[in-house]
Protein backbone atom coordinates (compact mmCIF):
# COMPACT_ATOMS: atom_id res chain seq x y z
CA UNK A 1 -12.48 25.23 -21.69
CA UNK A 2 -9.89 26.73 -19.32
CA UNK A 3 -6.90 25.22 -20.69
CA UNK A 4 -3.94 27.00 -22.31
CA UNK A 5 -3.71 26.80 -26.11
CA UNK A 6 -2.54 23.75 -27.76
CA UNK A 7 -0.24 23.67 -30.63
CA UNK A 8 -2.70 21.25 -32.32
CA UNK A 9 -5.87 23.53 -31.94
CA UNK A 10 -7.14 26.68 -30.64
CA UNK A 11 -7.75 27.47 -27.02
CA UNK A 12 -11.27 27.38 -27.13
CA UNK A 13 -11.69 24.33 -29.05
CA UNK A 14 -12.75 21.20 -27.25
CA UNK A 15 -11.46 18.32 -29.37
CA UNK A 16 -13.40 15.17 -30.39
CA UNK A 17 -12.68 12.19 -28.27
CA UNK A 18 -12.39 8.88 -30.16
CA UNK A 19 -12.50 6.11 -27.32
CA UNK A 20 -12.07 3.01 -29.54
CA UNK A 21 -13.10 -0.40 -28.68
CA UNK A 22 -10.64 -1.17 -25.89
CA UNK A 23 -11.91 1.62 -23.70
CA UNK A 24 -15.31 0.47 -23.80
CA UNK A 25 -14.12 -2.97 -22.91
CA UNK A 26 -11.08 -4.43 -21.31
CA UNK A 27 -9.50 -1.16 -21.03
CA UNK A 28 -12.58 0.30 -19.09
CA UNK A 29 -10.30 1.23 -16.17
CA UNK A 30 -8.33 3.39 -18.56
CA UNK A 31 -11.34 5.28 -19.81
CA UNK A 32 -12.63 5.85 -16.19
CA UNK A 33 -9.28 6.83 -14.93
CA UNK A 34 -8.69 9.26 -17.98
CA UNK A 35 -11.97 11.04 -17.28
CA UNK A 36 -10.88 11.51 -13.68
CA UNK A 37 -7.68 13.08 -14.61
CA UNK A 38 -9.11 15.51 -17.28
CA UNK A 39 -11.77 16.61 -14.48
CA UNK A 40 -9.08 17.37 -12.03
CA UNK A 41 -7.17 19.31 -14.75
CA UNK A 42 -10.19 21.16 -15.75
CA UNK A 43 -9.89 19.59 -19.31
CA UNK A 44 -12.87 18.68 -21.83
CA UNK A 45 -13.14 16.10 -24.73
CA UNK A 46 -16.32 15.96 -26.58
CA UNK A 47 -16.88 12.02 -27.21
CA UNK A 48 -17.53 10.97 -30.74
CA UNK A 49 -21.27 9.44 -31.24
CA UNK A 50 -21.68 6.10 -33.16
CA UNK A 51 -18.08 5.72 -33.64
CA UNK A 52 -16.75 2.46 -35.08
CA UNK A 53 -13.54 0.01 -34.68
CA UNK A 54 -10.54 1.62 -36.05
CA UNK A 55 -9.51 -1.64 -37.62
CA UNK A 56 -6.35 -1.49 -35.63
CA UNK A 57 -3.43 -3.35 -37.37
CA UNK A 58 -5.15 -6.39 -38.38
CA UNK A 59 -7.83 -5.28 -41.28
CA UNK A 60 -5.26 -4.31 -43.61
CA UNK A 61 -4.17 -7.81 -44.07
CA UNK A 62 -7.53 -8.44 -45.59
CA UNK A 63 -8.36 -5.15 -47.39
CA UNK A 64 -6.34 -2.11 -47.42
CA UNK A 65 -9.24 0.17 -48.49
CA UNK A 66 -11.41 -1.14 -45.73
CA UNK A 67 -8.57 -0.65 -43.22
CA UNK A 68 -8.62 3.16 -44.19
CA UNK A 69 -12.24 3.51 -44.48
CA UNK A 70 -13.01 2.35 -40.95
CA UNK A 71 -10.65 5.07 -39.31
CA UNK A 72 -11.57 7.69 -42.01
CA UNK A 73 -15.46 7.39 -41.05
CA UNK A 74 -14.37 8.30 -37.29
CA UNK A 75 -12.51 11.25 -38.62
CA UNK A 76 -15.30 12.49 -40.70
CA UNK A 77 -17.83 12.23 -37.78
CA UNK A 78 -15.59 14.34 -35.70
CA UNK A 79 -15.36 16.89 -38.50
CA UNK A 80 -19.28 16.66 -38.72
CA UNK A 81 -19.32 17.74 -35.07
CA UNK A 82 -17.14 20.98 -36.20
CA UNK A 83 -13.94 19.33 -34.52
CA UNK A 84 -10.58 19.69 -36.33
CA UNK A 85 -8.72 17.73 -33.52
CA UNK A 86 -9.40 14.21 -32.53
CA UNK A 87 -7.82 12.63 -29.40
CA UNK A 88 -7.51 9.00 -28.97
CA UNK A 89 -6.00 6.94 -26.02
CA UNK A 90 -4.84 3.99 -27.69
CA UNK A 91 -1.69 3.84 -29.58
CA UNK A 92 -3.28 1.39 -32.11
CA UNK A 93 -6.06 3.91 -32.86
CA UNK A 94 -3.78 6.74 -33.39
CA UNK A 95 -1.83 4.67 -35.74
CA UNK A 96 -4.90 4.00 -37.68
CA UNK A 97 -6.56 7.35 -37.55
CA UNK A 98 -3.11 9.15 -38.60
CA UNK A 99 -2.47 6.27 -41.31
CA UNK A 100 -6.03 7.15 -42.79
CA UNK A 101 -5.06 10.89 -42.41
CA UNK A 102 -2.00 10.32 -44.61
CA UNK A 103 -3.71 8.17 -47.23
CA UNK A 104 -6.49 10.34 -48.20
CA UNK A 105 -4.28 13.10 -49.41
CA UNK A 106 -3.62 11.09 -52.47
CA UNK A 107 -6.59 11.63 -54.80
CA UNK A 108 -7.33 8.03 -56.13
CA UNK A 109 -7.39 6.72 -52.49
CA UNK A 110 -9.47 9.46 -51.09
CA UNK A 111 -12.10 8.80 -53.96
CA UNK A 112 -12.02 5.05 -53.18
CA UNK A 113 -12.44 5.65 -49.43
CA UNK A 114 -15.04 8.27 -49.98
CA UNK A 115 -16.97 5.90 -52.30
CA UNK A 116 -16.84 3.22 -49.53
CA UNK A 117 -18.21 5.79 -46.82
CA UNK A 118 -20.87 6.84 -49.05
CA UNK A 119 -22.28 3.36 -49.52
CA UNK A 120 -22.60 3.20 -45.94
CA UNK A 121 -24.29 6.55 -45.57
CA UNK A 122 -21.39 8.02 -43.97
CA UNK A 123 -20.10 11.59 -44.83
CA UNK A 124 -16.72 11.92 -46.80
CA UNK A 125 -13.61 12.76 -45.46
CA UNK A 126 -10.99 15.00 -46.71
CA UNK A 127 -7.96 14.74 -44.41
CA UNK A 128 -8.60 17.97 -42.50
CA UNK A 129 -8.69 16.69 -38.88
CA UNK A 130 -5.43 16.32 -36.79
CA UNK A 131 -5.07 13.24 -34.44
CA UNK A 132 -3.19 13.56 -31.03
CA UNK A 133 -2.66 10.84 -28.53
CA UNK A 134 -4.46 11.55 -25.07
CA UNK A 135 -0.68 11.62 -23.26
CA UNK A 136 0.07 14.47 -25.83
CA UNK A 137 -3.15 16.18 -25.28
CA UNK A 138 -2.66 16.16 -21.33
CA UNK A 139 0.92 17.13 -21.59
CA UNK A 140 0.27 20.10 -24.01
CA UNK A 141 -2.95 21.37 -22.43
CA UNK A 142 -1.86 21.16 -18.75
CA UNK A 143 1.72 20.31 -18.62
CA UNK A 144 4.04 19.14 -15.53
CA UNK A 145 3.62 22.34 -13.69
CA UNK A 146 -0.06 22.45 -13.38
CA UNK A 147 -0.16 18.73 -12.68
CA UNK A 148 2.18 19.12 -10.09
CA UNK A 149 -0.08 21.79 -8.47
CA UNK A 150 -3.15 19.29 -8.69
CA UNK A 151 -1.45 16.70 -6.67
CA UNK A 152 -2.86 15.64 -3.54
CA UNK A 153 -0.79 12.51 -2.64
CA UNK A 154 2.41 12.31 -4.17
CA UNK A 155 3.74 8.86 -5.58
CA UNK A 156 6.65 9.26 -3.45
CA UNK A 157 8.78 6.09 -2.81
CA UNK A 158 7.53 4.59 -6.09
CA UNK A 159 10.00 3.56 -9.00
CA UNK A 160 8.22 3.43 -12.28
CA UNK A 161 9.28 2.23 -15.74
CA UNK A 162 7.46 4.22 -18.29
CA UNK A 163 6.43 2.05 -21.44
CA UNK A 164 5.21 3.99 -24.36
CA UNK A 165 5.12 0.89 -26.72
CA UNK A 166 6.30 0.97 -30.35
CA UNK A 167 3.33 2.91 -32.05
CA UNK A 168 3.11 6.05 -29.88
CA UNK A 169 5.49 8.02 -32.09
CA UNK A 170 5.90 5.36 -35.17
CA UNK A 171 5.70 5.48 -37.96
CA UNK A 172 6.83 9.28 -37.90
CA UNK A 173 5.28 9.82 -41.37
CA UNK A 174 2.05 9.28 -39.98
CA UNK A 175 2.31 10.77 -36.32
CA UNK A 176 4.29 13.40 -37.22
CA UNK A 177 6.54 12.89 -34.27
CA UNK A 178 9.32 15.49 -33.63
CA UNK A 179 8.16 17.71 -36.56
CA UNK A 180 4.64 18.54 -35.64
CA UNK A 181 4.04 20.84 -32.86
CA UNK A 182 2.61 19.42 -29.71
CA UNK A 183 4.16 15.81 -30.65
CA UNK A 184 6.83 13.86 -28.27
CA UNK A 185 10.44 13.11 -29.58
CA UNK A 186 10.20 10.02 -31.84
CA UNK A 187 13.46 8.45 -30.62
CA UNK A 188 13.48 9.36 -26.90
CA UNK A 189 9.85 10.30 -25.70
CA UNK A 190 9.60 11.97 -22.62
CA UNK A 191 6.06 13.39 -22.06
CA UNK A 192 5.15 10.40 -19.69
CA UNK A 193 8.50 10.76 -17.74
CA UNK A 194 7.57 14.26 -16.89
CA UNK A 195 4.11 13.84 -15.92
CA UNK A 196 4.82 11.00 -13.62
CA UNK A 197 7.90 13.07 -12.24
CA UNK A 198 5.41 15.84 -11.42
CA UNK A 199 3.30 13.32 -9.80
CA UNK A 200 5.98 12.74 -7.30
CA UNK A 201 7.36 9.17 -8.56
CA UNK A 202 10.94 8.40 -9.27
CA UNK A 203 10.72 7.54 -13.12
CA UNK A 204 13.44 5.50 -15.00
CA UNK A 205 13.93 8.01 -17.84
CA UNK A 206 16.53 5.71 -19.31
CA UNK A 207 14.49 2.54 -19.10
CA UNK A 208 15.58 0.58 -22.23
CA UNK A 209 12.36 -1.18 -23.26
CA UNK A 210 10.21 2.31 -23.16
CA UNK A 211 9.45 1.96 -26.90
CA UNK A 212 9.87 -1.71 -27.71
CA UNK A 213 7.24 -3.75 -29.13
CA UNK A 214 4.69 -5.51 -26.51
CA UNK A 215 4.30 -8.48 -29.07
CA UNK A 216 0.60 -7.71 -29.59
CA UNK A 217 0.61 -7.93 -33.53
CA UNK A 218 1.86 -11.67 -32.95
CA UNK A 219 -0.63 -12.65 -30.05
CA UNK A 220 -2.87 -14.59 -32.43
CA UNK A 221 -0.07 -15.75 -35.08
CA UNK A 222 2.88 -16.53 -32.82
CA UNK A 223 2.29 -16.82 -29.25
CA UNK A 224 5.80 -17.70 -28.30
CA UNK A 225 7.14 -14.54 -30.02
CA UNK A 226 4.21 -12.55 -28.39
CA UNK A 227 5.17 -13.68 -24.84
CA UNK A 228 8.85 -13.10 -25.38
CA UNK A 229 8.34 -9.42 -26.33
CA UNK A 230 5.88 -9.08 -23.33
CA UNK A 231 8.49 -10.72 -21.07
CA UNK A 232 11.29 -8.18 -22.40
CA UNK A 233 9.19 -5.23 -21.11
CA UNK A 234 8.98 -6.79 -17.60
CA UNK A 235 12.44 -8.26 -17.64
CA UNK A 236 14.05 -4.76 -18.24
CA UNK A 237 11.97 -3.19 -15.59
CA UNK A 238 13.22 -5.59 -13.02
CA UNK A 239 16.77 -4.99 -14.37
CA UNK A 240 16.21 -1.36 -13.81
CA UNK A 241 14.76 -1.53 -10.34
CA UNK A 242 11.22 -0.65 -11.11
CA UNK A 243 8.34 -1.24 -8.76
CA UNK A 244 5.74 -1.18 -11.59
CA UNK A 245 5.27 -0.28 -15.06
CA UNK A 246 3.19 2.57 -16.40
CA UNK A 247 1.38 2.26 -19.86
CA UNK A 248 -0.34 4.40 -22.35
CA UNK A 249 -2.00 1.89 -24.52
CA UNK A 250 -4.93 -0.80 -23.75
CA UNK A 251 -3.37 -3.05 -26.29
CA UNK A 252 0.14 -2.99 -24.81
CA UNK A 253 -1.44 -3.20 -21.05
CA UNK A 254 -3.83 -6.04 -22.07
CA UNK A 255 -1.26 -7.97 -24.02
CA UNK A 256 1.32 -7.86 -21.34
CA UNK A 257 -1.22 -8.71 -18.68
CA UNK A 258 -2.74 -11.68 -20.64
CA UNK A 259 0.66 -13.13 -20.75
CA UNK A 260 1.65 -13.02 -17.03
CA UNK A 261 0.95 -16.75 -16.40
CA UNK A 262 3.10 -17.69 -19.16
CA UNK A 263 5.91 -15.17 -18.23
CA UNK A 264 5.67 -16.56 -14.74
CA UNK A 265 6.29 -20.14 -15.94
CA UNK A 266 9.20 -19.25 -18.52
CA UNK A 267 10.89 -16.48 -16.64
CA UNK A 268 10.11 -16.86 -12.69
CA UNK A 269 7.87 -14.96 -10.64
CA UNK A 270 10.52 -12.43 -9.91
CA UNK A 271 10.24 -10.90 -13.30
CA UNK A 272 6.60 -9.83 -12.81
CA UNK A 273 5.79 -6.15 -11.95
CA UNK A 274 2.53 -4.75 -11.60
CA UNK A 275 1.29 -2.85 -14.35
CA UNK A 276 -1.01 0.27 -14.52
CA UNK A 277 -2.15 2.91 -17.07
CA UNK A 278 -0.58 6.11 -16.43
CA UNK A 279 -4.11 7.89 -15.80
CA UNK A 280 -4.65 5.43 -13.06
CA UNK A 281 -1.41 6.63 -11.31
CA UNK A 282 -2.18 10.29 -11.94
CA UNK A 283 -5.69 9.94 -10.53
CA UNK A 284 -4.21 8.21 -7.49
CA UNK A 285 -1.63 11.18 -7.14
CA UNK A 286 -4.50 13.71 -7.64
CA UNK A 287 -6.46 11.92 -4.44
CA UNK A 288 -8.39 9.22 -5.79
CA UNK A 289 -8.58 6.06 -3.97
CA UNK A 290 -7.07 2.71 -5.24
CA UNK A 291 -10.80 1.61 -5.85
CA UNK A 292 -11.94 4.99 -7.55
CA UNK A 293 -8.89 4.77 -10.05
CA UNK A 294 -9.75 1.18 -10.84
CA UNK A 295 -6.56 -0.41 -9.83
CA UNK A 296 -8.03 -3.56 -8.90
CA UNK A 297 -9.36 -4.09 -12.48
CA UNK A 298 -5.72 -4.79 -13.93
CA UNK A 299 -5.00 -8.39 -13.89
CA UNK A 300 -1.43 -7.71 -12.53
CA UNK A 301 -3.18 -6.14 -9.46
CA UNK A 302 -1.35 -3.18 -8.90
CA UNK A 303 -3.71 -2.10 -6.02
CA UNK A 304 -2.26 -4.92 -3.81
CA UNK A 305 1.05 -3.83 -4.29
CA UNK A 306 0.25 -0.23 -3.77
CA UNK A 307 -1.66 -0.93 -0.50
CA UNK A 308 1.55 -2.42 0.88
CA UNK A 309 3.30 0.78 0.12
CA UNK A 310 0.68 2.83 2.28
CA UNK A 311 -1.92 3.82 -0.44
CA UNK A 312 -5.50 3.18 0.15
């Protein structure tokens, strides 16, 4: 590891990496482009073997204890690897992992959770791992200056709306946003803004929808509400003059893109903007082709838009 020291862990520690379900499925482009970015920056993560679904936000509606045991098992696996720090690329996963971390500090809850883990043959968990979003990890271990020096093809001429989503820094009790070293500002996050600016893009730092909900939590229970939330992300991007939207969460990315046909029908084609993972755009800036950065994988086809702007 050649990266600088992180406030969340010693300089010689390679954090455990929890990919979650999405990055091995519909979010595969996020996974691949993330690895490209880490390689360019000389950063390493140690993938957790035999990880399980974190339970996202749905399982707690059925069982509070199971919703805590699922992410706690992943944290316990990281500790069994000798890792104190866990990095996840999904807002929903970070939420689940940090929620479990918070909960196991209560004695009775910890005993119930560890009893469940023991029944499945998993190691017990004591709450001793820290959790960090991939965006925070890249920002803290590399930073804008190092990223700027790695750029080979600046994103010049692109105006980007940075979309963080609602769970990136919330709830603060779990994420420690604004209080724990290495975390982003809970009210006005800026890590994504700075990284994309370092890549040469014009970033709409005052984009009003950057932390609103994408509606993912309502996708199954109330489709109309979910579509309205996703449309708000794109509506505000259009109003602000964005060419495309950059995301940091596969749940947000997939939810918005799944609703594109409905958004077109209800709000008009002019509202739609290409949506890309921030790591896809960073990989492009570091010299990857549109194909290598997997930009054709996205339903909104940012590759077609970017090809029209001179990228190949």
